[in-house]
Amino acid sequence: MTIRLRVISLGAGVQSTTMALMAAHGEITPMPDCAIFADTQSEPQAVYDHLKWLMSPNVLPFPIHVVTKGSLRAAILSASAGRTRNDGRPPLYIRNPDGTKGILKRQCTADYN
């Protein structure tokens, strides 16, 4: 017997919130079985406040599961201080020597899934 789950990867930003609310109102089908919020433990308080609202009664007809593999911020700070090794990186925004903006290669997904 094969069980097929329909899951929303919920980052609690504009796009995933819109998708979750559209699904809740039947505008996207089929209805998800659940949503998963992968908590970095380092999100701005506004994200956690918004997530709390999404998880409150009568907002979504499916559960949100919050999962974590630890604090991404703590891991990065520990590695930058030389206490641990952490090759995984979130997308870090930088200013190049010529003044232009850039972004370093993201590699944290494999380390935190």
Protein backbone atom coordinates (compact mmCIF):
# COMPACT_ATOMS: atom_id res chain seq x y z
CA MET A 1 0.00 0.00 0.00
CA THR A 2 1.41 3.38 -1.01
CA ILE A 3 0.61 6.43 1.06
CA ARG A 4 0.89 9.74 -0.74
CA LEU A 5 1.20 12.84 1.38
CA ARG A 6 0.69 16.33 0.06
CA VAL A 7 2.99 18.63 2.00
CA ILE A 8 3.66 22.36 1.79
CA SER A 9 7.18 23.52 2.61
CA LEU A 10 6.22 26.54 4.70
CA GLY A 11 8.85 29.24 5.17
CA ALA A 12 6.19 31.61 6.57
CA GLY A 13 7.04 34.22 3.96
CA VAL A 14 4.76 35.78 1.37
CA GLN A 15 4.83 32.98 -1.20
CA SER A 16 4.37 29.96 1.07
CA THR A 17 1.78 31.74 3.21
CA THR A 18 -0.19 32.66 0.09
CA MET A 19 -0.04 29.07 -1.13
CA ALA A 20 -1.17 27.72 2.25
CA LEU A 21 -4.07 30.17 2.48
CA MET A 22 -5.12 29.51 -1.11
CA ALA A 23 -5.13 25.77 -0.39
CA ALA A 24 -7.14 26.36 2.79
CA HIS A 25 -9.77 28.16 0.71
CA GLY A 26 -9.85 25.50 -2.02
CA GLU A 27 -8.14 27.70 -4.61
CA ILE A 28 -5.28 25.20 -4.90
CA THR A 29 -6.16 21.52 -4.92
CA PRO A 30 -5.80 18.93 -3.65
CA MET A 31 -5.84 19.98 -0.01
CA PRO A 32 -2.44 19.49 1.65
CA ASP A 33 -2.17 16.93 4.42
CA CYS A 34 0.16 19.22 6.35
CA ALA A 35 2.80 21.92 6.12
CA ILE A 36 6.34 21.75 7.45
CA PHE A 37 8.21 24.74 8.84
CA ALA A 38 11.96 24.04 9.04
CA ASP A 39 13.02 26.23 11.94
CA THR A 40 16.56 27.64 11.78
CA GLN A 41 16.00 28.98 15.33
CA SER A 42 17.33 32.28 13.97
CA GLU A 43 14.37 33.83 12.19
CA PRO A 44 13.26 37.38 12.98
CA GLN A 45 10.56 37.56 15.68
CA ALA A 46 8.04 38.70 13.04
CA VAL A 47 8.38 35.30 11.32
CA TYR A 48 7.64 33.43 14.55
CA ASP A 49 4.69 35.75 15.27
CA HIS A 50 3.32 35.12 11.79
CA LEU A 51 3.83 31.36 12.17
CA LYS A 52 1.96 31.47 15.48
CA TRP A 53 -0.96 33.16 13.70
CA LEU A 54 -0.90 30.57 10.89
CA MET A 55 -1.00 27.79 13.51
CA SER A 56 -3.88 29.36 15.44
CA PRO A 57 -7.36 27.79 15.25
CA ASN A 58 -9.49 28.35 12.13
CA VAL A 59 -6.66 29.67 9.91
CA LEU A 60 -5.54 26.48 8.15
CA PRO A 61 -7.47 23.20 8.00
CA PHE A 62 -4.24 21.18 8.10
CA PRO A 63 -1.48 21.01 10.73
CA ILE A 64 1.88 22.75 10.58
CA HIS A 65 4.76 20.65 11.86
CA VAL A 66 7.76 22.61 13.14
CA VAL A 67 11.06 20.76 12.79
CA THR A 68 14.62 21.82 13.51
CA LYS A 69 18.15 20.52 13.42
CA GLY A 70 19.47 23.25 15.70
CA SER A 71 20.39 26.89 15.48
CA LEU A 72 21.89 27.85 12.14
CA ARG A 73 23.14 31.12 13.68
CA ALA A 74 24.90 29.32 16.54
CA ALA A 75 26.52 26.87 14.13
CA ILE A 76 27.83 29.68 11.91
CA LEU A 77 29.15 31.70 14.87
CA SER A 78 30.84 28.63 16.33
CA ALA A 79 32.50 27.80 13.00
CA SER A 80 33.60 31.40 12.43
CA ALA A 81 35.25 31.39 15.89
CA GLY A 82 37.10 28.17 15.00
CA ARG A 83 35.35 26.06 17.66
CA THR A 84 33.64 23.74 15.16
CA ARG A 85 33.70 22.97 11.49
CA ASN A 86 30.63 23.90 9.46
CA ASP A 87 30.87 23.81 5.69
CA GLY A 88 27.19 24.56 5.24
CA ARG A 89 26.35 28.16 4.50
CA PRO A 90 23.06 30.01 4.24
CA PRO A 91 22.78 32.50 1.37
CA LEU A 92 24.98 35.30 2.75
CA TYR A 93 24.71 38.71 1.12
CA ILE A 94 27.95 40.62 0.60
CA ARG A 95 29.30 43.85 -0.84
CA ASN A 96 32.04 43.21 -3.38
CA PRO A 97 35.28 45.27 -3.39
CA ASP A 98 33.92 47.33 -6.31
CA GLY A 99 30.82 48.25 -4.28
CA THR A 100 28.37 45.97 -6.09
CA LYS A 101 26.16 43.61 -4.13
CA GLY A 102 26.63 39.87 -4.27
CA ILE A 103 25.60 36.61 -2.66
CA LEU A 104 27.77 33.69 -1.57
CA LYS A 105 26.88 30.19 -2.70
CA ARG A 106 24.23 28.59 -0.49
CA GLN A 107 25.14 25.17 0.89
CA CYS A 108 23.18 24.83 4.13
CA THR A 109 20.26 22.73 2.88
CA ALA A 110 22.25 19.47 2.76
CA ASP A 111 23.58 20.00 6.29
CA TYR A 112 20.20 20.81 7.82
CA ASN A 113 17.77 18.38 6.21
